[in-house]
N, C-alpha and C. Protein backbone atom coordinates (compact mmCIF):
# COMPACT_ATOMS: atom_id res chain seq x y z
N MET A 1 7.14 -10.19 18.79
CA MET A 1 6.95 -10.56 17.40
C MET A 1 5.54 -11.09 17.18
N VAL A 2 4.97 -10.72 16.07
CA VAL A 2 3.64 -11.14 15.71
C VAL A 2 3.75 -12.13 14.56
N LYS A 3 3.06 -13.24 14.70
CA LYS A 3 3.05 -14.21 13.61
C LYS A 3 2.12 -13.69 12.52
N ASP A 4 2.56 -13.78 11.29
CA ASP A 4 1.77 -13.31 10.17
C ASP A 4 0.60 -14.26 9.94
N GLU A 5 -0.59 -13.72 9.79
CA GLU A 5 -1.75 -14.57 9.59
C GLU A 5 -2.16 -14.70 8.13
N TYR A 6 -1.40 -14.11 7.21
CA TYR A 6 -1.80 -14.13 5.81
C TYR A 6 -1.35 -15.39 5.09
N LYS A 7 -0.40 -16.10 5.64
CA LYS A 7 0.04 -17.41 5.14
C LYS A 7 0.58 -17.41 3.72
N TYR A 8 1.12 -16.30 3.28
CA TYR A 8 1.75 -16.30 1.97
C TYR A 8 3.20 -16.71 2.14
N GLU A 9 3.51 -17.93 1.75
CA GLU A 9 4.84 -18.49 1.98
C GLU A 9 5.85 -18.12 0.91
N GLY A 10 5.41 -17.54 -0.19
CA GLY A 10 6.33 -17.23 -1.28
C GLY A 10 7.08 -15.93 -1.10
N SER A 11 6.89 -15.25 0.01
CA SER A 11 7.50 -13.96 0.22
C SER A 11 8.96 -14.07 0.59
N TYR A 12 9.76 -13.10 0.13
CA TYR A 12 11.15 -13.05 0.54
C TYR A 12 11.28 -12.46 1.92
N LEU A 13 10.20 -11.89 2.43
CA LEU A 13 10.23 -11.32 3.77
C LEU A 13 10.25 -12.41 4.81
N ASN A 14 10.82 -12.11 5.95
CA ASN A 14 10.66 -13.00 7.09
C ASN A 14 9.27 -12.71 7.62
N ILE A 15 8.30 -13.53 7.21
CA ILE A 15 6.91 -13.20 7.48
C ILE A 15 6.52 -13.38 8.94
N TYR A 16 7.41 -13.86 9.75
CA TYR A 16 7.08 -13.99 11.17
C TYR A 16 7.65 -12.84 11.98
N ASP A 17 8.32 -11.89 11.33
CA ASP A 17 8.93 -10.79 12.05
C ASP A 17 8.31 -9.47 11.63
N PHE A 18 7.31 -9.05 12.37
CA PHE A 18 6.68 -7.78 12.09
C PHE A 18 6.89 -6.83 13.26
N GLU A 19 8.11 -6.77 13.71
CA GLU A 19 8.47 -5.89 14.81
C GLU A 19 8.09 -4.46 14.47
N GLY A 20 7.46 -3.80 15.39
CA GLY A 20 7.05 -2.43 15.18
C GLY A 20 5.63 -2.30 14.64
N VAL A 21 5.06 -3.39 14.18
CA VAL A 21 3.68 -3.39 13.70
C VAL A 21 2.98 -4.54 14.41
N GLU A 22 2.69 -4.32 15.67
CA GLU A 22 2.21 -5.39 16.54
C GLU A 22 0.69 -5.54 16.55
N ALA A 23 -0.03 -4.53 16.16
CA ALA A 23 -1.49 -4.55 16.27
C ALA A 23 -2.11 -5.45 15.20
N LYS A 24 -3.42 -5.55 15.25
CA LYS A 24 -4.18 -6.34 14.28
C LYS A 24 -5.20 -5.43 13.60
N GLY A 25 -5.61 -5.81 12.39
CA GLY A 25 -6.70 -5.15 11.68
C GLY A 25 -6.53 -3.65 11.51
N ASP A 26 -7.60 -2.89 11.84
CA ASP A 26 -7.59 -1.44 11.66
C ASP A 26 -6.46 -0.77 12.42
N LYS A 27 -6.15 -1.30 13.60
CA LYS A 27 -5.06 -0.71 14.40
C LYS A 27 -3.72 -0.91 13.71
N ARG A 28 -3.57 -2.04 13.03
CA ARG A 28 -2.34 -2.33 12.28
C ARG A 28 -2.19 -1.32 11.14
N ILE A 29 -3.27 -1.06 10.44
CA ILE A 29 -3.25 -0.09 9.35
C ILE A 29 -2.93 1.30 9.89
N LYS A 30 -3.52 1.66 11.02
CA LYS A 30 -3.24 2.97 11.63
C LYS A 30 -1.77 3.08 12.03
N GLN A 31 -1.19 1.99 12.58
CA GLN A 31 0.23 2.02 12.94
C GLN A 31 1.10 2.29 11.71
N ILE A 32 0.79 1.62 10.61
CA ILE A 32 1.57 1.81 9.38
C ILE A 32 1.37 3.24 8.87
N ALA A 33 0.13 3.72 8.88
CA ALA A 33 -0.13 5.09 8.44
C ALA A 33 0.66 6.09 9.28
N ASP A 34 0.70 5.87 10.58
CA ASP A 34 1.47 6.76 11.46
C ASP A 34 2.96 6.72 11.13
N LYS A 35 3.47 5.53 10.82
CA LYS A 35 4.89 5.42 10.44
C LYS A 35 5.15 6.14 9.12
N LEU A 36 4.22 6.02 8.17
CA LEU A 36 4.37 6.71 6.89
C LEU A 36 4.30 8.22 7.07
N LYS A 37 3.46 8.68 7.99
CA LYS A 37 3.35 10.11 8.27
C LYS A 37 4.64 10.67 8.88
N SER A 38 5.38 9.81 9.57
CA SER A 38 6.57 10.28 10.29
C SER A 38 7.83 10.40 9.41
N ILE A 39 7.79 9.89 8.20
CA ILE A 39 8.97 10.00 7.33
C ILE A 39 9.06 11.39 6.73
N ASN A 40 10.25 11.76 6.28
CA ASN A 40 10.44 13.07 5.65
C ASN A 40 9.88 13.09 4.23
N SER A 41 10.20 12.04 3.48
CA SER A 41 9.72 11.95 2.10
C SER A 41 9.70 10.48 1.70
N PHE A 42 8.94 10.19 0.68
CA PHE A 42 8.84 8.80 0.23
C PHE A 42 10.18 8.30 -0.32
N ALA A 43 10.93 9.18 -0.93
CA ALA A 43 12.23 8.79 -1.49
C ALA A 43 13.20 8.32 -0.41
N SER A 44 12.97 8.68 0.84
CA SER A 44 13.86 8.24 1.92
C SER A 44 13.87 6.72 2.06
N PHE A 45 12.83 6.06 1.54
CA PHE A 45 12.81 4.59 1.59
C PHE A 45 13.85 3.97 0.66
N HIS A 46 14.39 4.76 -0.27
CA HIS A 46 15.42 4.26 -1.17
C HIS A 46 16.83 4.49 -0.63
N GLU A 47 16.92 5.07 0.56
CA GLU A 47 18.23 5.41 1.12
C GLU A 47 19.00 4.20 1.62
N SER A 48 18.31 3.16 2.02
CA SER A 48 19.01 1.98 2.52
C SER A 48 18.17 0.73 2.31
N LYS A 49 18.84 -0.41 2.37
CA LYS A 49 18.15 -1.69 2.22
C LYS A 49 17.14 -1.88 3.35
N GLU A 50 17.49 -1.43 4.55
CA GLU A 50 16.59 -1.58 5.70
C GLU A 50 15.30 -0.79 5.48
N MET A 51 15.45 0.43 4.97
CA MET A 51 14.27 1.26 4.72
C MET A 51 13.41 0.66 3.61
N SER A 52 14.04 0.14 2.56
CA SER A 52 13.28 -0.51 1.49
C SER A 52 12.56 -1.74 2.00
N SER A 53 13.23 -2.50 2.86
CA SER A 53 12.60 -3.69 3.46
C SER A 53 11.41 -3.29 4.32
N GLU A 54 11.53 -2.18 5.00
CA GLU A 54 10.43 -1.67 5.83
C GLU A 54 9.22 -1.36 4.96
N LEU A 55 9.44 -0.71 3.83
CA LEU A 55 8.35 -0.38 2.92
C LEU A 55 7.73 -1.65 2.34
N ALA A 56 8.56 -2.63 2.01
CA ALA A 56 8.04 -3.91 1.51
C ALA A 56 7.17 -4.59 2.57
N LYS A 57 7.62 -4.53 3.82
CA LYS A 57 6.85 -5.11 4.92
C LYS A 57 5.50 -4.43 5.03
N TYR A 58 5.49 -3.11 4.95
CA TYR A 58 4.22 -2.37 5.03
C TYR A 58 3.29 -2.77 3.90
N SER A 59 3.83 -2.89 2.69
CA SER A 59 2.99 -3.25 1.55
C SER A 59 2.38 -4.64 1.72
N TYR A 60 3.15 -5.55 2.29
CA TYR A 60 2.66 -6.91 2.54
C TYR A 60 1.52 -6.89 3.56
N ILE A 61 1.69 -6.14 4.63
CA ILE A 61 0.66 -6.07 5.67
C ILE A 61 -0.60 -5.42 5.12
N VAL A 62 -0.45 -4.33 4.39
CA VAL A 62 -1.61 -3.65 3.81
C VAL A 62 -2.35 -4.60 2.87
N ALA A 63 -1.61 -5.28 2.01
CA ALA A 63 -2.23 -6.23 1.08
C ALA A 63 -3.00 -7.31 1.84
N GLY A 64 -2.40 -7.84 2.89
CA GLY A 64 -3.07 -8.87 3.68
C GLY A 64 -4.35 -8.37 4.31
N GLU A 65 -4.33 -7.14 4.79
CA GLU A 65 -5.54 -6.56 5.39
C GLU A 65 -6.62 -6.35 4.32
N LEU A 66 -6.21 -5.95 3.12
CA LEU A 66 -7.18 -5.76 2.04
C LEU A 66 -7.80 -7.10 1.63
N VAL A 67 -7.01 -8.16 1.63
CA VAL A 67 -7.55 -9.49 1.33
C VAL A 67 -8.54 -9.90 2.41
N LYS A 68 -8.17 -9.68 3.67
CA LYS A 68 -9.08 -10.01 4.78
C LYS A 68 -10.39 -9.24 4.69
N GLU A 69 -10.32 -8.00 4.21
CA GLU A 69 -11.52 -7.17 4.06
C GLU A 69 -12.34 -7.56 2.82
N GLU A 70 -11.78 -8.48 2.03
CA GLU A 70 -12.41 -8.99 0.81
C GLU A 70 -12.58 -7.93 -0.27
N LEU A 71 -11.57 -7.07 -0.38
CA LEU A 71 -11.53 -6.12 -1.47
C LEU A 71 -11.33 -6.91 -2.77
N LYS A 72 -11.99 -6.49 -3.81
CA LYS A 72 -11.85 -7.15 -5.12
C LYS A 72 -10.64 -6.57 -5.84
N VAL A 73 -9.94 -7.43 -6.56
CA VAL A 73 -8.74 -6.99 -7.27
C VAL A 73 -9.08 -5.90 -8.28
N THR A 74 -10.27 -5.94 -8.87
CA THR A 74 -10.65 -4.91 -9.84
C THR A 74 -10.74 -3.54 -9.17
N GLN A 75 -11.20 -3.51 -7.92
CA GLN A 75 -11.27 -2.23 -7.20
C GLN A 75 -9.86 -1.69 -6.94
N LEU A 76 -8.96 -2.57 -6.50
CA LEU A 76 -7.59 -2.16 -6.23
C LEU A 76 -6.90 -1.70 -7.51
N ARG A 77 -7.10 -2.45 -8.58
CA ARG A 77 -6.49 -2.10 -9.86
C ARG A 77 -6.98 -0.76 -10.41
N ARG A 78 -8.24 -0.43 -10.15
CA ARG A 78 -8.79 0.84 -10.62
C ARG A 78 -7.98 2.01 -10.07
N PHE A 79 -7.66 1.96 -8.79
CA PHE A 79 -6.88 3.04 -8.18
C PHE A 79 -5.41 2.96 -8.57
N TYR A 80 -4.90 1.75 -8.68
CA TYR A 80 -3.52 1.57 -9.10
C TYR A 80 -3.33 2.12 -10.52
N ASN A 81 -4.26 1.80 -11.42
CA ASN A 81 -4.16 2.28 -12.80
C ASN A 81 -4.23 3.80 -12.89
N TYR A 82 -5.00 4.40 -12.01
CA TYR A 82 -5.08 5.87 -11.94
C TYR A 82 -3.69 6.45 -11.66
N VAL A 83 -2.97 5.84 -10.72
CA VAL A 83 -1.63 6.29 -10.36
C VAL A 83 -0.62 5.93 -11.45
N LYS A 84 -0.73 4.74 -11.97
CA LYS A 84 0.22 4.27 -12.98
C LYS A 84 0.16 5.15 -14.24
N LYS A 85 -1.04 5.56 -14.60
CA LYS A 85 -1.19 6.44 -15.77
C LYS A 85 -0.41 7.74 -15.56
N MET A 86 -0.44 8.25 -14.34
CA MET A 86 0.31 9.48 -14.03
C MET A 86 1.81 9.27 -14.17
N GLN A 87 2.28 8.06 -13.88
CA GLN A 87 3.71 7.78 -13.97
C GLN A 87 4.21 8.03 -15.40
N TYR A 88 3.39 7.71 -16.37
CA TYR A 88 3.79 7.92 -17.77
C TYR A 88 3.83 9.40 -18.13
N GLU A 89 3.17 10.23 -17.34
CA GLU A 89 3.10 11.66 -17.62
C GLU A 89 4.07 12.49 -16.77
N ILE A 90 4.75 11.86 -15.82
CA ILE A 90 5.55 12.60 -14.84
C ILE A 90 6.73 13.34 -15.47
N ASP A 91 7.25 12.84 -16.58
CA ASP A 91 8.37 13.52 -17.22
C ASP A 91 7.96 14.84 -17.87
N GLY A 92 6.70 14.94 -18.25
CA GLY A 92 6.21 16.16 -18.89
C GLY A 92 6.08 17.30 -17.90
N ASP A 93 5.14 17.20 -17.00
CA ASP A 93 4.87 18.27 -16.04
C ASP A 93 4.67 17.65 -14.66
N THR A 94 5.76 17.58 -13.91
CA THR A 94 5.73 16.94 -12.59
C THR A 94 4.73 17.61 -11.66
N ASN A 95 4.69 18.91 -11.65
CA ASN A 95 3.77 19.63 -10.75
C ASN A 95 2.31 19.30 -11.06
N LYS A 96 1.99 19.21 -12.34
CA LYS A 96 0.60 18.89 -12.74
C LYS A 96 0.24 17.48 -12.28
N VAL A 97 1.16 16.53 -12.43
CA VAL A 97 0.92 15.15 -12.00
C VAL A 97 0.75 15.09 -10.48
N LEU A 98 1.61 15.78 -9.75
CA LEU A 98 1.50 15.77 -8.29
C LEU A 98 0.22 16.44 -7.82
N ALA A 99 -0.23 17.45 -8.55
CA ALA A 99 -1.50 18.09 -8.22
C ALA A 99 -2.66 17.11 -8.44
N ARG A 100 -2.61 16.35 -9.52
CA ARG A 100 -3.66 15.34 -9.79
C ARG A 100 -3.63 14.23 -8.76
N LEU A 101 -2.44 13.91 -8.27
CA LEU A 101 -2.32 12.84 -7.27
C LEU A 101 -3.09 13.19 -6.00
N THR A 102 -3.19 14.48 -5.69
CA THR A 102 -3.92 14.89 -4.48
C THR A 102 -5.41 14.56 -4.58
N MET A 103 -5.89 14.21 -5.75
CA MET A 103 -7.30 13.83 -5.92
C MET A 103 -7.55 12.35 -5.61
N LEU A 104 -6.48 11.58 -5.42
CA LEU A 104 -6.67 10.16 -5.12
C LEU A 104 -7.33 9.92 -3.75
N PRO A 105 -6.91 10.57 -2.67
CA PRO A 105 -7.60 10.33 -1.39
C PRO A 105 -9.11 10.59 -1.44
N PRO A 106 -9.58 11.69 -2.08
CA PRO A 106 -11.03 11.86 -2.16
C PRO A 106 -11.73 10.74 -2.94
N LYS A 107 -11.08 10.25 -4.00
CA LYS A 107 -11.66 9.14 -4.76
C LYS A 107 -11.76 7.89 -3.87
N LEU A 108 -10.72 7.63 -3.09
CA LEU A 108 -10.73 6.49 -2.18
C LEU A 108 -11.74 6.68 -1.05
N ALA A 109 -11.87 7.90 -0.57
CA ALA A 109 -12.85 8.18 0.49
C ALA A 109 -14.26 7.90 -0.03
N GLY A 110 -14.54 8.32 -1.24
CA GLY A 110 -15.85 8.05 -1.83
C GLY A 110 -16.10 6.56 -1.99
N ALA A 111 -15.10 5.85 -2.46
CA ALA A 111 -15.23 4.40 -2.63
C ALA A 111 -15.39 3.70 -1.28
N SER A 112 -14.68 4.18 -0.26
CA SER A 112 -14.76 3.53 1.06
C SER A 112 -16.10 3.81 1.73
N SER A 113 -16.78 4.89 1.33
CA SER A 113 -18.12 5.14 1.89
C SER A 113 -19.14 4.16 1.32
N LYS A 114 -18.83 3.59 0.16
CA LYS A 114 -19.72 2.60 -0.46
C LYS A 114 -19.35 1.18 -0.06
N LYS A 115 -18.05 0.94 0.15
CA LYS A 115 -17.58 -0.40 0.47
C LYS A 115 -16.46 -0.30 1.50
N ASP A 116 -16.70 -0.83 2.69
CA ASP A 116 -15.74 -0.74 3.79
C ASP A 116 -14.38 -1.35 3.47
N ALA A 117 -14.34 -2.29 2.54
CA ALA A 117 -13.08 -2.96 2.21
C ALA A 117 -12.03 -2.02 1.66
N VAL A 118 -12.45 -0.85 1.16
CA VAL A 118 -11.52 0.13 0.59
C VAL A 118 -10.87 0.98 1.68
N LYS A 119 -11.47 1.02 2.86
CA LYS A 119 -11.01 1.93 3.91
C LYS A 119 -9.53 1.76 4.28
N PRO A 120 -9.00 0.53 4.44
CA PRO A 120 -7.56 0.42 4.77
C PRO A 120 -6.66 1.06 3.70
N LEU A 121 -7.04 0.90 2.44
CA LEU A 121 -6.26 1.51 1.36
C LEU A 121 -6.36 3.03 1.44
N TYR A 122 -7.54 3.54 1.71
CA TYR A 122 -7.72 4.99 1.87
C TYR A 122 -6.82 5.53 2.98
N VAL A 123 -6.80 4.87 4.13
CA VAL A 123 -6.01 5.33 5.27
C VAL A 123 -4.53 5.39 4.91
N ILE A 124 -4.03 4.37 4.24
CA ILE A 124 -2.61 4.31 3.87
C ILE A 124 -2.27 5.36 2.81
N ILE A 125 -3.07 5.41 1.76
CA ILE A 125 -2.79 6.35 0.67
C ILE A 125 -2.92 7.80 1.15
N ALA A 126 -3.91 8.06 1.97
CA ALA A 126 -4.08 9.41 2.51
C ALA A 126 -2.88 9.80 3.36
N ALA A 127 -2.35 8.86 4.13
CA ALA A 127 -1.16 9.14 4.95
C ALA A 127 0.03 9.53 4.07
N CYS A 128 0.12 8.94 2.92
CA CYS A 128 1.23 9.24 2.00
C CYS A 128 1.04 10.58 1.29
N ILE A 129 -0.17 10.82 0.81
CA ILE A 129 -0.40 11.98 -0.05
C ILE A 129 -0.75 13.24 0.73
N GLU A 130 -1.65 13.13 1.69
CA GLU A 130 -2.12 14.33 2.39
C GLU A 130 -1.09 14.91 3.33
N ASN A 131 -0.07 14.17 3.66
CA ASN A 131 0.96 14.65 4.58
C ASN A 131 2.22 15.10 3.86
N LYS A 132 2.09 15.40 2.58
CA LYS A 132 3.17 15.98 1.79
C LYS A 132 4.45 15.13 1.79
N LYS A 133 4.27 13.82 1.64
CA LYS A 133 5.42 12.92 1.56
C LYS A 133 5.86 12.70 0.12
N ILE A 134 5.04 13.18 -0.82
CA ILE A 134 5.34 13.02 -2.25
C ILE A 134 5.42 14.43 -2.84
N GLU A 135 6.63 14.93 -2.91
CA GLU A 135 6.85 16.32 -3.32
C GLU A 135 7.59 16.46 -4.65
N ASP A 136 8.19 15.39 -5.16
CA ASP A 136 8.93 15.47 -6.41
C ASP A 136 8.85 14.13 -7.15
N LYS A 137 9.52 14.07 -8.29
CA LYS A 137 9.46 12.89 -9.15
C LYS A 137 9.99 11.65 -8.42
N GLU A 138 11.09 11.80 -7.70
CA GLU A 138 11.68 10.66 -6.99
C GLU A 138 10.72 10.10 -5.93
N ASP A 139 10.08 10.98 -5.19
CA ASP A 139 9.07 10.55 -4.21
C ASP A 139 7.93 9.82 -4.91
N PHE A 140 7.48 10.38 -6.03
CA PHE A 140 6.36 9.78 -6.76
C PHE A 140 6.70 8.38 -7.25
N ILE A 141 7.90 8.21 -7.81
CA ILE A 141 8.32 6.89 -8.31
C ILE A 141 8.35 5.87 -7.16
N CYS A 142 8.86 6.27 -6.03
CA CYS A 142 8.90 5.39 -4.85
C CYS A 142 7.48 5.04 -4.40
N PHE A 143 6.58 6.02 -4.42
CA PHE A 143 5.18 5.77 -4.07
C PHE A 143 4.54 4.76 -5.03
N VAL A 144 4.81 4.91 -6.33
CA VAL A 144 4.27 3.97 -7.32
C VAL A 144 4.79 2.56 -7.04
N GLU A 145 6.07 2.45 -6.69
CA GLU A 145 6.63 1.13 -6.37
C GLU A 145 5.95 0.53 -5.13
N PHE A 146 5.66 1.36 -4.16
CA PHE A 146 4.94 0.92 -2.96
C PHE A 146 3.55 0.40 -3.34
N PHE A 147 2.85 1.16 -4.17
CA PHE A 147 1.51 0.76 -4.60
C PHE A 147 1.59 -0.55 -5.41
N GLU A 148 2.60 -0.67 -6.28
CA GLU A 148 2.80 -1.91 -7.05
C GLU A 148 3.03 -3.10 -6.12
N ALA A 149 3.79 -2.88 -5.07
CA ALA A 149 4.06 -3.95 -4.10
C ALA A 149 2.77 -4.37 -3.39
N ILE A 150 1.94 -3.39 -3.03
CA ILE A 150 0.66 -3.73 -2.41
C ILE A 150 -0.17 -4.59 -3.36
N LEU A 151 -0.26 -4.16 -4.61
CA LEU A 151 -1.03 -4.90 -5.60
C LEU A 151 -0.46 -6.31 -5.81
N SER A 152 0.84 -6.42 -5.94
CA SER A 152 1.47 -7.73 -6.17
C SER A 152 1.25 -8.67 -5.00
N TYR A 153 1.45 -8.17 -3.79
CA TYR A 153 1.19 -9.01 -2.62
C TYR A 153 -0.29 -9.36 -2.51
N PHE A 154 -1.14 -8.41 -2.81
CA PHE A 154 -2.58 -8.65 -2.76
C PHE A 154 -2.94 -9.82 -3.68
N GLU A 155 -2.43 -9.78 -4.91
CA GLU A 155 -2.73 -10.86 -5.86
C GLU A 155 -2.17 -12.20 -5.39
N ALA A 156 -0.96 -12.17 -4.84
CA ALA A 156 -0.34 -13.42 -4.36
C ALA A 156 -1.10 -14.00 -3.16
N ILE A 157 -1.44 -13.14 -2.21
CA ILE A 157 -2.15 -13.61 -1.02
C ILE A 157 -3.55 -14.08 -1.41
N SER A 158 -4.21 -13.35 -2.31
CA SER A 158 -5.55 -13.76 -2.77
C SER A 158 -5.50 -15.11 -3.44
N LYS A 159 -4.49 -15.32 -4.28
CA LYS A 159 -4.34 -16.61 -4.97
C LYS A 159 -4.09 -17.71 -3.95
N ASP A 160 -3.21 -17.43 -2.98
CA ASP A 160 -2.90 -18.40 -1.93
C ASP A 160 -4.17 -18.75 -1.15
N LYS A 161 -4.97 -17.76 -0.84
CA LYS A 161 -6.22 -17.96 -0.10
C LYS A 161 -7.20 -18.78 -0.95
N CYS A 162 -7.27 -18.48 -2.24
CA CYS A 162 -8.16 -19.20 -3.15
C CYS A 162 -7.73 -20.65 -3.28
N ASP A 163 -6.41 -20.87 -3.42
CA ASP A 163 -5.88 -22.24 -3.51
C ASP A 163 -6.19 -23.04 -2.24
N GLU A 164 -6.10 -22.35 -1.11
CA GLU A 164 -6.38 -23.00 0.18
C GLU A 164 -7.86 -23.43 0.26
N LYS A 165 -8.76 -22.59 -0.25
CA LYS A 165 -10.19 -22.91 -0.23
C LYS A 165 -10.51 -24.10 -1.13
N THR A 166 -9.83 -24.22 -2.28
CA THR A 166 -10.11 -25.32 -3.20
C THR A 166 -9.58 -26.64 -2.67
N LYS A 167 -8.60 -26.60 -1.78
CA LYS A 167 -8.06 -27.84 -1.18
C LYS A 167 -9.03 -28.43 -0.19
N THR A 168 -9.86 -27.60 0.43
CA THR A 168 -10.78 -28.11 1.47
C THR A 168 -12.10 -28.50 0.91
């Protein structure tokens, strides 16, 4: 078991139990990306409470790594908003939305070439999109929920970190 170093105490997760994700930093992100690559589809995370908990755990770890890399919330929101906008269009033409989603990894790759803090997000998102884990509306909705969880944990951990700095 690895003790969580992000110190976000408000989580419903057992933050001291990261079984299966033992590495630190970039290796931790690679482990999660490998696990995401190994699933059949993103919707499979909705099949059971254990699978949903696994996805929540991954989102928490990714968010913590992004905070450690000092990614700005505005940068994360820019990519999240790109995906969220597609969610409103998914009922119209699912294939068109999924085709546009394939442009997210190149956008993240470009951003990570300018700022290293984006790289963990690029690795995770690319693992989801480039490996054909999002093939239909149900997969897409689950992916959006995963991205929302990353953003929510990112904001919570960032706030916790900021509060900790003001105490000292």
